[in-house]
Protein backbone atom coordinates (compact mmCIF):
# COMPACT_ATOMS: atom_id res chain seq x y z
CA UNK A 1 -24.67 -48.17 70.10
CA UNK A 2 -25.42 -47.56 73.71
CA UNK A 3 -25.38 -43.89 73.03
CA UNK A 4 -27.95 -44.19 70.20
CA UNK A 5 -30.20 -46.34 72.32
CA UNK A 6 -29.90 -43.93 75.21
CA UNK A 7 -30.74 -41.01 72.91
CA UNK A 8 -33.72 -42.91 71.56
CA UNK A 9 -35.02 -43.56 75.09
CA UNK A 10 -34.59 -39.89 75.96
CA UNK A 11 -36.43 -38.87 72.78
CA UNK A 12 -39.25 -41.32 73.45
CA UNK A 13 -39.48 -40.17 77.06
CA UNK A 14 -39.52 -36.51 76.02
CA UNK A 15 -42.11 -37.27 73.32
CA UNK A 16 -44.30 -39.04 75.86
CA UNK A 17 -43.91 -36.13 78.30
CA UNK A 18 -44.83 -33.59 75.60
CA UNK A 19 -47.75 -35.72 74.45
CA UNK A 20 -49.12 -36.11 78.00
CA UNK A 21 -48.56 -32.43 78.75
CA UNK A 22 -50.39 -31.34 75.59
CA UNK A 23 -53.27 -33.73 76.41
CA UNK A 24 -53.53 -32.35 79.96
CA UNK A 25 -53.48 -28.77 78.68
CA UNK A 26 -56.21 -29.61 76.11
CA UNK A 27 -58.34 -31.27 78.79
CA UNK A 28 -57.89 -28.30 81.11
CA UNK A 29 -58.77 -25.84 78.34
CA UNK A 30 -61.82 -27.89 77.39
CA UNK A 31 -62.95 -27.99 81.03
CA UNK A 32 -62.62 -24.20 81.30
CA UNK A 33 -64.53 -23.74 78.03
CA UNK A 34 -67.38 -25.94 79.27
CA UNK A 35 -67.47 -24.07 82.56
CA UNK A 36 -67.54 -20.70 80.75
CA UNK A 37 -70.28 -21.96 78.43
CA UNK A 38 -72.38 -23.04 81.40
CA UNK A 39 -71.91 -19.65 83.07
CA UNK A 40 -72.71 -17.90 79.81
CA UNK A 41 -75.88 -19.96 79.43
CA UNK A 42 -76.94 -19.01 82.97
CA UNK A 43 -76.15 -15.38 82.23
CA UNK A 44 -78.18 -15.54 79.01
CA UNK A 45 -81.15 -16.99 80.92
CA UNK A 46 -80.85 -14.22 83.49
CA UNK A 47 -80.53 -11.60 80.74
CA UNK A 48 -83.52 -12.99 78.87
CA UNK A 49 -85.57 -12.74 82.07
CA UNK A 50 -84.50 -9.11 82.45
CA UNK A 51 -85.39 -8.45 78.83
CA UNK A 52 -88.83 -10.01 79.31
CA UNK A 53 -89.43 -7.92 82.43
CA UNK A 54 -88.29 -4.77 80.65
CA UNK A 55 -90.58 -5.51 77.70
CA UNK A 56 -93.51 -6.03 80.06
CA UNK A 57 -92.74 -2.74 81.79
CA UNK A 58 -92.42 -0.99 78.43
CA UNK A 59 -95.77 -2.46 77.38
CA UNK A 60 -97.37 -1.21 80.59
CA UNK A 61 -95.78 2.22 80.18
CA UNK A 62 -96.83 2.37 76.52
CA UNK A 63 -100.36 1.33 77.43
CA UNK A 64 -100.54 3.98 80.17
CA UNK A 65 -99.25 6.64 77.76
CA UNK A 66 -101.81 5.69 75.13
CA UNK A 67 -104.63 5.69 77.68
CA UNK A 68 -103.67 9.18 78.80
CA UNK A 69 -103.49 10.32 75.16
CA UNK A 70 -107.01 8.99 74.57
CA UNK A 71 -108.13 10.69 77.76
CA UNK A 72 -106.68 14.01 76.60
CA UNK A 73 -108.36 13.56 73.22
CA UNK A 74 -111.69 13.05 74.96
CA UNK A 75 -111.05 16.24 76.93
CA UNK A 76 -110.42 18.15 73.72
CA UNK A 77 -113.57 16.66 72.23
CA UNK A 78 -115.66 17.81 75.19
CA UNK A 79 -114.21 21.33 74.87
CA UNK A 80 -114.95 21.36 71.12
CA UNK A 81 -118.51 20.15 71.72
CA UNK A 82 -118.99 22.82 74.40
CA UNK A 83 -117.73 25.54 72.04
CA UNK A 84 -119.96 24.29 69.20
CA UNK A 85 -123.00 24.26 71.45
CA UNK A 86 -122.15 27.76 72.70
CA UNK A 87 -122.27 28.89 69.07
CA UNK A 88 -125.56 27.06 68.63
CA UNK A 89 -124.29 24.54 66.07
CA UNK A 90 -124.54 20.76 66.07
CA UNK A 91 -121.88 20.18 63.39
CA UNK A 92 -119.89 16.95 63.85
CA UNK A 93 -121.11 16.49 67.42
CA UNK A 94 -122.83 13.18 66.66
CA UNK A 95 -119.66 11.78 65.10
CA UNK A 96 -117.53 13.08 67.95
CA UNK A 97 -119.79 11.50 70.58
CA UNK A 98 -119.60 8.13 68.81
CA UNK A 99 -115.81 8.42 68.51
CA UNK A 100 -115.56 9.33 72.19
CA UNK A 101 -117.62 6.29 73.17
CA UNK A 102 -115.27 4.14 71.06
CA UNK A 103 -112.27 5.74 72.80
CA UNK A 104 -113.79 5.00 76.21
CA UNK A 105 -114.40 1.42 75.15
CA UNK A 106 -110.73 1.17 74.12
CA UNK A 107 -109.61 2.56 77.47
CA UNK A 108 -111.88 0.13 79.24
CA UNK A 109 -110.52 -2.85 77.30
CA UNK A 110 -106.92 -1.83 77.94
CA UNK A 111 -107.48 -1.38 81.65
CA UNK A 112 -109.69 -4.30 82.45
CA UNK A 113 -107.59 -6.95 80.76
CA UNK A 114 -105.69 -6.77 84.04
CA UNK A 115 -108.92 -6.64 86.09
CA UNK A 116 -108.63 -3.13 87.50
CA UNK A 117 -110.93 -1.39 89.94
CA UNK A 118 -114.64 -1.66 89.28
CA UNK A 119 -114.96 1.93 90.55
CA UNK A 120 -113.16 3.18 87.45
CA UNK A 121 -115.31 0.97 85.25
CA UNK A 122 -118.40 2.58 86.79
CA UNK A 123 -117.00 6.07 86.13
CA UNK A 124 -116.22 5.18 82.51
CA UNK A 125 -119.72 3.77 82.07
CA UNK A 126 -121.19 7.01 83.45
CA UNK A 127 -119.15 9.07 80.99
CA UNK A 128 -120.22 6.79 78.13
CA UNK A 129 -123.86 7.21 79.13
CA UNK A 130 -123.31 11.00 79.15
CA UNK A 131 -122.01 10.81 75.58
CA UNK A 132 -124.95 8.62 74.55
CA UNK A 133 -127.41 11.02 76.19
CA UNK A 134 -125.70 13.94 74.44
CA UNK A 135 -125.91 12.06 71.16
CA UNK A 136 -129.67 11.62 71.63
CA UNK A 137 -130.09 15.31 72.50
CA UNK A 138 -128.10 16.31 69.40
CA UNK A 139 -130.25 14.05 67.21
CA UNK A 140 -133.31 15.81 68.66
CA UNK A 141 -131.59 19.21 68.03
CA UNK A 142 -132.20 20.15 71.69
CA UNK A 143 -129.59 22.85 72.32
CA UNK A 144 -130.46 23.56 75.97
CA UNK A 145 -130.43 19.90 76.97
CA UNK A 146 -127.13 19.38 75.11
CA UNK A 147 -125.52 22.31 76.93
CA UNK A 148 -126.90 21.06 80.23
CA UNK A 149 -125.46 17.57 79.66
CA UNK A 150 -122.02 18.90 78.76
CA UNK A 151 -121.79 21.50 81.52
CA UNK A 152 -123.79 19.64 84.14
CA UNK A 153 -122.62 16.04 84.02
CA UNK A 154 -120.09 15.35 81.32
CA UNK A 155 -117.31 17.67 82.55
CA UNK A 156 -117.64 16.35 86.11
CA UNK A 157 -117.72 12.71 85.00
CA UNK A 158 -114.73 13.28 82.74
CA UNK A 159 -112.75 14.80 85.62
CA UNK A 160 -113.60 11.75 87.76
CA UNK A 161 -112.36 9.38 85.05
CA UNK A 162 -109.21 11.43 84.45
CA UNK A 163 -108.34 11.56 88.16
CA UNK A 164 -108.89 7.82 88.49
CA UNK A 165 -106.65 7.15 85.48
CA UNK A 166 -103.92 9.34 86.96
CA UNK A 167 -104.11 7.53 90.28
CA UNK A 168 -103.70 4.16 88.53
CA UNK A 169 -100.67 5.36 86.57
CA UNK A 170 -98.92 6.65 89.68
């Protein structure tokens, strides 16, 4: 009988040891999981900040690219208008001047949301007034005045705007 009782005590003791050991291991594993989750959460916050910064930079880069595309389109428009006036025709010039003014307004809105230099705003306003003056000359069918506006003011004012846009993007 003593032997059975002794075996029972050993089994109970071993069972208690295994039970306590498994509980300690579970607690340790749980602690490590909570620690890893906290680090992961911190890493996710850090990563989300990086993602936000990258998106902002992409938005700025995309905006700059679109502004330069509009600027190049305005350049092509001025060249087309100059060629048309050289041929003595007023075809589509009125529409092109209105579209160019709209493009300049779009550039202005994109730039001045962030409150950029007022110097650039002044240059854009000058170029818009050149387009409006050209539009009036085209409506009056005044070929000499139209050529004078394009060659005299508009090309110079466009170059000023383009150079200012390039300096902002650099």
